[in-house]
Amino acid sequence: MKIISINAGSSSLKFSLFDMEDKKVIASGLFERIGIEGSSYTIKYNGEKIKEEVELNNHTDAVKILLDKLVTLNIIKSLDEIDGVGHRLVHGKDKYKESCLITNEVVNDLTLFKDFAPLHNPANVLGIEAFKEVLPNVPMVGVFDTAFHQTMDEESYLYPVPYSWYKEHGVRKYGFHGTSHRYIAKTISEKLGKKDLKIISCHVGNGGSITAIKDGKCVDTSMGFTPLAGIMMGTRSGDIDPSIITYIMEQEGLNAKEVIDDLNKKSGLLGLSEISSDMRDIVNAMNNDDEEGVKARRAFLKYTRTVTNYIAQYYVLLGGVDAICFTAGLGENSEPFRKKVCDNLACLGVKLDNEANKVMGEFKKISSDDSTIPVYVVPTDEELMIALDTLKLIS
């Protein structure tokens, strides 16, 4: 059985084709600049990589070319081999608590909820409609980023604002990266052979969120009403005093949308360092004995402190923890980042194995044997999680 996992953006379409017999990726790729001049696609398969510029007027063009290439490159013999399509869907509000078969109602809801994820939900709909047109008889499944976090209780998801904001306008914590956090919880439970675990999952890349998980269910998470909340990120501020927004509006002559845009795109590592949003650049610059080094160290220390604070908060919330897991681009690959966070947690008895911490992109325990809390690197695989949910629902 073969299933395609799809992540559609406003001008992009990322895919992974899985053979579900062994849960391996047969082919993967990216269609970029859809509807924009200079569009192209990249497909990786069988150790090869092809890239070609091609006119992509819309997502349907991308899907048609994708499916045609899967056949002409002999990745599959015919489109009949495709048994299901799984779509990453960003926002299902509090209606969608788990993955589901995509129906007209789901598509209508994605459009209805577009104000909660204006950059993502409309793009997700474009991806669904494109596959619906080209593969009308193949079942499709929606896997929501927000679904995993719907097990939070009111104490966690409500904000201390007028309750009518929640009842009338849906203002509450929703959380994101749910598919990744669910995969981490599933994987670490399988690796340790235990189900009733208390886990702190740290999905840290250019965007990042920390999630407290108990018995496979989300208890609390750092991202909130939007992905702007929580830890400091590559270009996002994370948590700040909301009064800063109106103050900067007055001082800089900006409107609210412009300030929020700065908080999303010009803050975080980039804003504090004035160097880069990429932690690799920050770590390299930290060694400089000049102004750039000062800026880099300032950003690095603030970044790792915000992550530490959420881990400590969730340690208390869970009443202790069985495992701290680092995942995503930074969590899986940055030795200095993980070391600093673990050093910050020394008061909780966390002790790092510096040699083990040199790992990049593979599952490994990186804490020492005498650490009171085991710490792991756990590579995430959201695409596989989407494929597994799709297999389950279409079967």
Protein backbone atom coordinates (compact mmCIF):
# COMPACT_ATOMS: atom_id res chain seq x y z
CA MET A 1 0.00 0.00 0.00
CA LYS A 2 1.35 3.42 -0.98
CA ILE A 3 0.37 6.72 0.60
CA ILE A 4 1.42 10.32 -0.16
CA SER A 5 1.89 12.81 2.66
CA ILE A 6 1.28 16.40 1.54
CA ASN A 7 2.19 19.74 3.08
CA ALA A 8 0.77 22.52 0.91
CA GLY A 9 1.84 26.13 1.36
CA SER A 10 0.50 29.20 -0.42
CA SER A 11 3.16 28.87 -3.15
CA SER A 12 4.64 25.45 -2.42
CA LEU A 13 3.80 21.78 -2.17
CA LYS A 14 5.99 19.32 -0.26
CA PHE A 15 5.42 15.59 -0.59
CA SER A 16 6.66 12.22 0.64
CA LEU A 17 5.53 8.94 -0.92
CA PHE A 18 5.57 6.00 1.49
CA ASP A 19 5.46 2.26 0.98
CA MET A 20 3.48 1.34 4.06
CA GLU A 21 4.67 -2.27 4.02
CA ASP A 22 7.97 -1.17 5.54
CA LYS A 23 7.06 2.48 6.25
CA LYS A 24 9.89 3.70 4.05
CA VAL A 25 9.98 6.80 1.85
CA ILE A 26 10.04 5.85 -1.84
CA ALA A 27 10.25 9.41 -3.10
CA SER A 28 10.04 12.94 -1.73
CA GLY A 29 10.26 16.43 -3.08
CA LEU A 30 9.17 20.02 -3.23
CA PHE A 31 7.33 22.18 -5.75
CA GLU A 32 8.28 25.83 -5.23
CA ARG A 33 7.11 29.28 -6.34
CA ILE A 34 3.71 28.02 -7.48
CA GLY A 35 1.95 30.85 -9.29
CA ILE A 36 5.17 32.88 -9.28
CA GLU A 37 7.79 33.39 -11.97
CA GLY A 38 10.73 30.98 -11.70
CA SER A 39 8.74 28.01 -10.37
CA SER A 40 10.45 24.63 -10.15
CA TYR A 41 10.30 21.17 -8.61
CA THR A 42 12.76 18.83 -6.94
CA ILE A 43 12.21 15.09 -6.62
CA LYS A 44 14.45 12.68 -4.71
CA TYR A 45 14.20 8.92 -5.28
CA ASN A 46 16.41 5.85 -5.30
CA GLY A 47 19.48 7.89 -4.31
CA GLU A 48 18.91 10.33 -7.16
CA LYS A 49 17.79 13.95 -7.26
CA ILE A 50 16.25 15.78 -10.16
CA LYS A 51 15.46 19.48 -10.30
CA GLU A 52 13.74 21.29 -13.13
CA GLU A 53 12.25 24.70 -13.74
CA VAL A 54 8.70 24.39 -14.97
CA GLU A 55 5.65 26.63 -15.22
CA LEU A 56 3.35 26.09 -12.25
CA ASN A 57 0.30 28.32 -12.52
CA ASN A 58 -1.48 26.71 -9.57
CA HIS A 59 -1.41 23.73 -7.21
CA THR A 60 -3.26 21.54 -9.71
CA ASP A 61 -0.38 21.98 -12.15
CA ALA A 62 2.02 20.88 -9.42
CA VAL A 63 -0.04 17.80 -8.56
CA LYS A 64 -0.38 16.79 -12.22
CA ILE A 65 3.37 17.05 -12.79
CA LEU A 66 4.09 15.25 -9.51
CA LEU A 67 1.88 12.29 -10.38
CA ASP A 68 3.14 12.18 -13.97
CA LYS A 69 6.76 12.08 -12.76
CA LEU A 70 6.04 9.31 -10.27
CA VAL A 71 4.94 7.15 -13.20
CA THR A 72 7.43 8.25 -15.90
CA LEU A 73 10.36 7.87 -13.49
CA ASN A 74 9.11 4.34 -12.69
CA ILE A 75 8.70 5.20 -9.02
CA ILE A 76 5.26 3.64 -9.33
CA LYS A 77 3.80 1.68 -12.25
CA SER A 78 0.49 3.53 -12.33
CA LEU A 79 -1.62 5.94 -10.29
CA ASP A 80 -3.71 2.97 -9.21
CA GLU A 81 -0.92 2.16 -6.74
CA ILE A 82 -1.73 5.28 -4.71
CA ASP A 83 -4.16 4.20 -2.00
CA GLY A 84 -4.47 7.40 0.00
CA VAL A 85 -3.39 11.01 0.37
CA GLY A 86 -2.69 12.51 3.79
CA HIS A 87 -2.74 16.29 4.16
CA ARG A 88 -1.07 18.34 6.88
CA LEU A 89 -3.77 20.78 8.02
CA VAL A 90 -2.68 23.57 10.33
CA HIS A 91 -5.78 24.75 12.19
CA GLY A 92 -8.90 22.85 13.14
CA LYS A 93 -9.77 25.05 16.14
CA ASP A 94 -11.24 22.94 18.95
CA LYS A 95 -13.60 21.06 16.63
CA TYR A 96 -11.05 18.58 15.27
CA LYS A 97 -9.51 16.57 18.08
CA GLU A 98 -8.00 13.88 15.84
CA SER A 99 -7.25 13.13 12.20
CA CYS A 100 -10.24 12.51 9.94
CA LEU A 101 -11.33 11.64 6.44
CA ILE A 102 -11.58 14.81 4.37
CA THR A 103 -15.17 15.65 3.43
CA ASN A 104 -16.83 18.76 2.08
CA GLU A 105 -17.56 19.71 5.70
CA VAL A 106 -13.84 19.59 6.55
CA VAL A 107 -12.97 21.79 3.57
CA ASN A 108 -15.72 24.26 4.50
CA ASP A 109 -14.44 24.38 8.09
CA LEU A 110 -10.87 25.04 6.94
CA THR A 111 -12.19 28.05 5.05
CA LEU A 112 -14.34 29.10 8.02
CA PHE A 113 -11.29 28.92 10.32
CA LYS A 114 -8.99 30.79 7.93
CA ASP A 115 -8.68 33.84 10.20
CA PHE A 116 -6.96 31.61 12.77
CA ALA A 117 -4.28 30.56 10.24
CA PRO A 118 -4.52 32.97 7.30
CA LEU A 119 -1.23 31.87 5.71
CA HIS A 120 -1.90 28.15 6.06
CA ASN A 121 -5.56 27.09 5.99
CA PRO A 122 -6.31 28.59 2.53
CA ALA A 123 -3.14 26.93 1.21
CA ASN A 124 -4.20 23.61 2.73
CA VAL A 125 -7.52 23.90 0.89
CA LEU A 126 -5.67 24.51 -2.39
CA GLY A 127 -3.74 21.29 -1.88
CA ILE A 128 -6.88 19.32 -1.12
CA GLU A 129 -8.75 20.69 -4.15
CA ALA A 130 -5.81 19.95 -6.44
CA PHE A 131 -5.65 16.28 -5.45
CA LYS A 132 -9.42 16.03 -5.54
CA GLU A 133 -9.35 17.14 -9.17
CA VAL A 134 -6.55 14.81 -10.26
CA LEU A 135 -7.31 11.77 -8.05
CA PRO A 136 -11.07 12.06 -7.43
CA ASN A 137 -11.53 8.48 -6.23
CA VAL A 138 -8.59 8.27 -3.83
CA PRO A 139 -9.52 8.82 -0.16
CA MET A 140 -7.87 11.76 1.60
CA VAL A 141 -7.16 12.26 5.28
CA GLY A 142 -6.58 15.50 7.19
CA VAL A 143 -4.02 15.56 10.02
CA PHE A 144 -4.33 18.74 12.10
CA ASP A 145 -1.39 20.45 13.83
CA THR A 146 -3.77 21.59 16.55
CA ALA A 147 -5.48 18.22 17.19
CA PHE A 148 -2.96 16.72 19.64
CA HIS A 149 -3.30 19.67 21.99
CA GLN A 150 -7.08 19.36 22.38
CA THR A 151 -6.60 17.19 25.47
CA MET A 152 -5.53 20.27 27.47
CA ASP A 153 -7.94 21.22 30.24
CA GLU A 154 -9.44 24.68 30.72
CA GLU A 155 -6.81 25.61 33.26
CA SER A 156 -4.20 25.23 30.51
CA TYR A 157 -5.95 26.49 27.40
CA LEU A 158 -7.93 29.48 28.72
CA TYR A 159 -6.37 32.95 28.90
CA PRO A 160 -7.09 35.28 31.84
CA VAL A 161 -9.11 37.63 29.61
CA PRO A 162 -12.88 38.28 29.46
CA TYR A 163 -14.48 34.84 29.13
CA SER A 164 -16.71 36.19 26.38
CA TRP A 165 -13.61 36.46 24.15
CA TYR A 166 -13.38 32.69 24.28
CA LYS A 167 -17.10 31.95 23.97
CA GLU A 168 -17.78 34.45 21.19
CA HIS A 169 -14.45 34.67 19.34
CA GLY A 170 -12.56 31.48 20.10
CA VAL A 171 -9.69 33.21 21.93
CA ARG A 172 -7.79 30.38 23.67
CA LYS A 173 -4.54 28.47 23.46
CA TYR A 174 -4.57 26.04 20.51
CA GLY A 175 -0.94 24.97 20.22
CA PHE A 176 0.93 23.82 17.11
CA HIS A 177 3.52 21.23 16.02
CA GLY A 178 1.04 18.69 17.40
CA THR A 179 1.84 16.02 14.82
CA SER A 180 5.52 16.19 15.72
CA HIS A 181 4.91 16.11 19.48
CA ARG A 182 2.58 13.13 19.04
CA TYR A 183 5.25 11.33 17.02
CA ILE A 184 7.85 12.01 19.73
CA ALA A 185 5.55 10.67 22.46
CA LYS A 186 4.82 7.55 20.40
CA THR A 187 8.47 6.95 19.53
CA ILE A 188 9.96 7.41 23.01
CA SER A 189 7.24 5.18 24.49
CA GLU A 190 8.09 2.45 21.99
CA LYS A 191 11.83 2.83 22.55
CA LEU A 192 11.51 2.65 26.33
CA GLY A 193 8.76 0.02 26.27
CA LYS A 194 6.46 2.10 28.49
CA LYS A 195 3.13 3.80 27.87
CA ASP A 196 2.51 5.75 31.09
CA LEU A 197 5.35 8.24 30.64
CA LYS A 198 5.66 11.90 31.61
CA ILE A 199 7.52 13.57 28.74
CA ILE A 200 8.68 17.07 27.89
CA SER A 201 8.93 17.28 24.11
CA CYS A 202 11.10 20.11 22.76
CA HIS A 203 10.39 20.71 19.05
CA VAL A 204 12.96 23.38 18.33
CA GLY A 205 13.73 24.55 14.81
CA ASN A 206 13.29 27.96 13.21
CA GLY A 207 9.93 27.82 14.94
CA GLY A 208 9.68 25.99 18.23
CA SER A 209 7.36 24.74 20.93
CA ILE A 210 7.68 22.83 24.18
CA THR A 211 4.93 20.38 25.17
CA ALA A 212 4.15 18.60 28.43
CA ILE A 213 2.83 15.09 27.73
CA LYS A 214 1.39 12.57 30.19
CA ASP A 215 0.30 9.06 29.19
CA GLY A 216 0.52 10.04 25.51
CA LYS A 217 -1.72 13.11 25.88
CA CYS A 218 -0.89 16.80 25.81
CA VAL A 219 -1.21 18.52 29.19
CA ASP A 220 0.10 21.94 28.12
CA THR A 221 2.11 23.50 25.29
CA SER A 222 4.04 26.72 24.80
CA MET A 223 2.51 28.04 21.56
CA GLY A 224 -0.84 29.66 22.03
CA PHE A 225 -3.61 31.35 20.07
CA THR A 226 -1.03 31.65 17.27
CA PRO A 227 2.49 30.25 16.74
CA LEU A 228 3.91 33.60 17.92
CA ALA A 229 3.60 32.68 21.60
CA GLY A 230 5.94 30.61 23.75
CA ILE A 231 9.72 30.33 23.45
CA MET A 232 11.90 32.75 21.52
CA MET A 233 12.42 31.43 17.96
CA GLY A 234 14.41 32.16 14.82
CA THR A 235 12.47 35.31 13.89
CA ARG A 236 9.55 35.20 16.36
CA SER A 237 9.62 36.94 19.72
CA GLY A 238 7.74 34.35 21.75
CA ASP A 239 6.07 35.62 24.93
CA ILE A 240 6.22 39.39 25.52
CA ASP A 241 4.25 42.00 27.47
CA PRO A 242 1.33 42.86 25.11
CA SER A 243 1.56 46.53 26.09
CA ILE A 244 4.78 46.70 24.06
CA ILE A 245 2.63 46.51 20.92
CA THR A 246 0.68 49.72 21.55
CA TYR A 247 3.81 51.47 22.85
CA ILE A 248 5.79 50.70 19.67
CA MET A 249 2.78 51.67 17.55
CA GLU A 250 2.92 55.14 19.09
CA GLN A 251 6.73 55.46 19.09
CA GLU A 252 7.31 54.17 15.54
CA GLY A 253 4.07 55.29 13.90
CA LEU A 254 3.12 51.71 13.01
CA ASN A 255 -0.24 49.97 12.99
CA ALA A 256 -0.95 46.78 14.93
CA LYS A 257 -0.49 44.54 11.89
CA GLU A 258 2.95 46.03 11.20
CA VAL A 259 4.11 45.48 14.78
CA ILE A 260 2.85 41.88 14.77
CA ASP A 261 4.70 41.39 11.50
CA ASP A 262 7.91 42.61 13.17
CA LEU A 263 7.31 40.24 16.08
CA ASN A 264 6.88 37.35 13.63
CA LYS A 265 9.62 38.13 11.12
CA LYS A 266 12.21 40.46 12.66
CA SER A 267 12.48 39.32 16.27
CA GLY A 268 13.83 36.24 18.07
CA LEU A 269 17.42 35.25 17.28
CA LEU A 270 17.48 37.65 14.33
CA GLY A 271 16.17 40.58 16.33
CA LEU A 272 18.43 40.21 19.36
CA SER A 273 21.60 39.26 17.49
CA GLU A 274 21.14 41.53 14.46
CA ILE A 275 23.17 38.79 12.72
CA SER A 276 21.00 35.84 11.70
CA SER A 277 17.95 33.74 12.51
CA ASP A 278 20.06 30.58 12.08
CA MET A 279 21.54 29.16 15.30
CA ARG A 280 24.56 27.86 13.37
CA ASP A 281 25.51 31.42 12.46
CA ILE A 282 24.94 32.53 16.06
CA VAL A 283 27.12 29.76 17.50
CA ASN A 284 29.93 30.56 15.04
CA ALA A 285 29.77 34.27 15.85
CA MET A 286 29.85 33.64 19.61
CA ASN A 287 33.55 32.87 19.36
CA ASN A 288 34.30 36.36 18.01
CA ASP A 289 35.96 38.78 20.42
CA ASP A 290 34.10 41.79 19.05
CA GLU A 291 30.68 43.43 18.96
CA GLU A 292 29.29 40.66 16.79
CA GLY A 293 30.37 38.11 19.39
CA VAL A 294 28.63 40.09 22.13
CA LYS A 295 25.41 40.21 20.11
CA ALA A 296 25.57 36.50 19.32
CA ARG A 297 26.12 35.50 22.95
CA ARG A 298 23.27 37.76 24.04
CA ALA A 299 20.85 36.07 21.64
CA PHE A 300 22.09 32.56 22.44
CA LEU A 301 21.72 32.99 26.19
CA LYS A 302 18.24 34.49 25.91
CA TYR A 303 17.13 31.76 23.52
CA THR A 304 18.32 28.89 25.71
CA ARG A 305 16.89 30.59 28.79
CA THR A 306 13.37 30.72 27.32
CA VAL A 307 13.55 27.02 26.48
CA THR A 308 14.88 26.22 29.97
CA ASN A 309 12.06 28.17 31.60
CA TYR A 310 9.35 26.18 29.82
CA ILE A 311 11.02 22.85 30.60
CA ALA A 312 11.24 23.82 34.29
CA GLN A 313 7.62 24.98 34.29
CA TYR A 314 6.41 21.72 32.77
CA TYR A 315 8.58 19.66 35.13
CA VAL A 316 6.55 21.15 37.99
CA LEU A 317 3.25 20.79 36.11
CA LEU A 318 3.88 17.08 35.47
CA GLY A 319 5.18 16.48 38.98
CA GLY A 320 8.48 15.17 37.68
CA VAL A 321 9.35 13.78 34.26
CA ASP A 322 10.52 10.48 32.76
CA ALA A 323 12.21 11.93 29.68
CA ILE A 324 13.17 15.22 28.07
CA CYS A 325 13.24 14.89 24.27
CA PHE A 326 14.89 17.25 21.79
CA THR A 327 13.68 17.19 18.19
CA ALA A 328 13.41 19.19 14.93
CA GLY A 329 16.25 21.02 13.17
CA LEU A 330 17.89 22.65 16.18
CA GLY A 331 16.92 20.05 18.75
CA GLU A 332 18.29 17.21 16.63
CA ASN A 333 21.46 18.86 15.38
CA SER A 334 22.79 21.59 17.69
CA GLU A 335 25.23 20.26 20.28
CA PRO A 336 25.85 23.71 21.89
CA PHE A 337 22.13 24.46 22.19
CA ARG A 338 21.33 21.17 23.92
CA LYS A 339 24.35 21.46 26.21
CA LYS A 340 23.44 24.94 27.43
CA VAL A 341 19.81 24.00 28.10
CA CYS A 342 20.85 20.87 30.01
CA ASP A 343 23.47 22.83 31.97
CA ASN A 344 20.72 25.29 32.91
CA LEU A 345 18.70 22.34 34.27
CA ALA A 346 21.49 21.05 36.52
CA CYS A 347 19.51 22.05 39.62
CA LEU A 348 16.93 19.41 38.63
CA GLY A 349 19.67 16.80 38.49
CA VAL A 350 20.11 16.82 34.71
CA LYS A 351 23.61 15.72 33.70
CA LEU A 352 24.80 15.60 30.12
CA ASP A 353 27.09 13.02 28.53
CA ASN A 354 29.17 15.43 26.43
CA GLU A 355 30.40 12.69 24.09
CA ALA A 356 26.88 11.34 23.45
CA ASN A 357 25.66 14.91 22.88
CA LYS A 358 27.75 15.12 19.70
CA VAL A 359 24.99 13.17 17.93
CA MET A 360 23.19 14.72 14.96
CA GLY A 361 19.87 13.58 13.53
CA GLU A 362 19.58 10.16 15.15
CA PHE A 363 17.93 8.67 18.22
CA LYS A 364 20.27 8.70 21.21
CA LYS A 365 20.28 9.12 24.95
CA ILE A 366 22.53 12.11 25.64
CA SER A 367 22.32 12.29 29.43
CA SER A 368 24.79 10.52 31.73
CA ASP A 369 23.78 7.40 33.64
CA ASP A 370 23.59 9.34 36.91
CA SER A 371 21.29 12.03 35.50
CA THR A 372 18.02 12.14 37.45
CA ILE A 373 16.15 12.83 34.20
CA PRO A 374 17.04 10.92 31.02
CA VAL A 375 17.50 13.24 28.02
CA TYR A 376 17.13 12.02 24.44
CA VAL A 377 17.52 13.22 20.89
CA VAL A 378 14.48 11.88 18.99
CA PRO A 379 14.31 12.71 15.25
CA THR A 380 10.78 13.68 14.29
CA ASP A 381 8.90 12.43 11.24
CA GLU A 382 5.67 14.33 10.74
CA GLU A 383 5.28 12.97 7.20
CA LEU A 384 5.31 9.38 8.47
CA MET A 385 2.80 10.29 11.18
CA ILE A 386 0.50 11.70 8.49
CA ALA A 387 0.92 8.51 6.44
CA LEU A 388 0.19 6.29 9.45
CA ASP A 389 -2.99 8.22 10.27
CA THR A 390 -4.04 8.00 6.64
CA LEU A 391 -3.45 4.25 6.55
CA LYS A 392 -5.46 3.78 9.72
CA LEU A 393 -8.45 5.77 8.51
CA ILE A 394 -8.67 4.43 4.96
CA SER A 395 -8.28 0.86 6.21
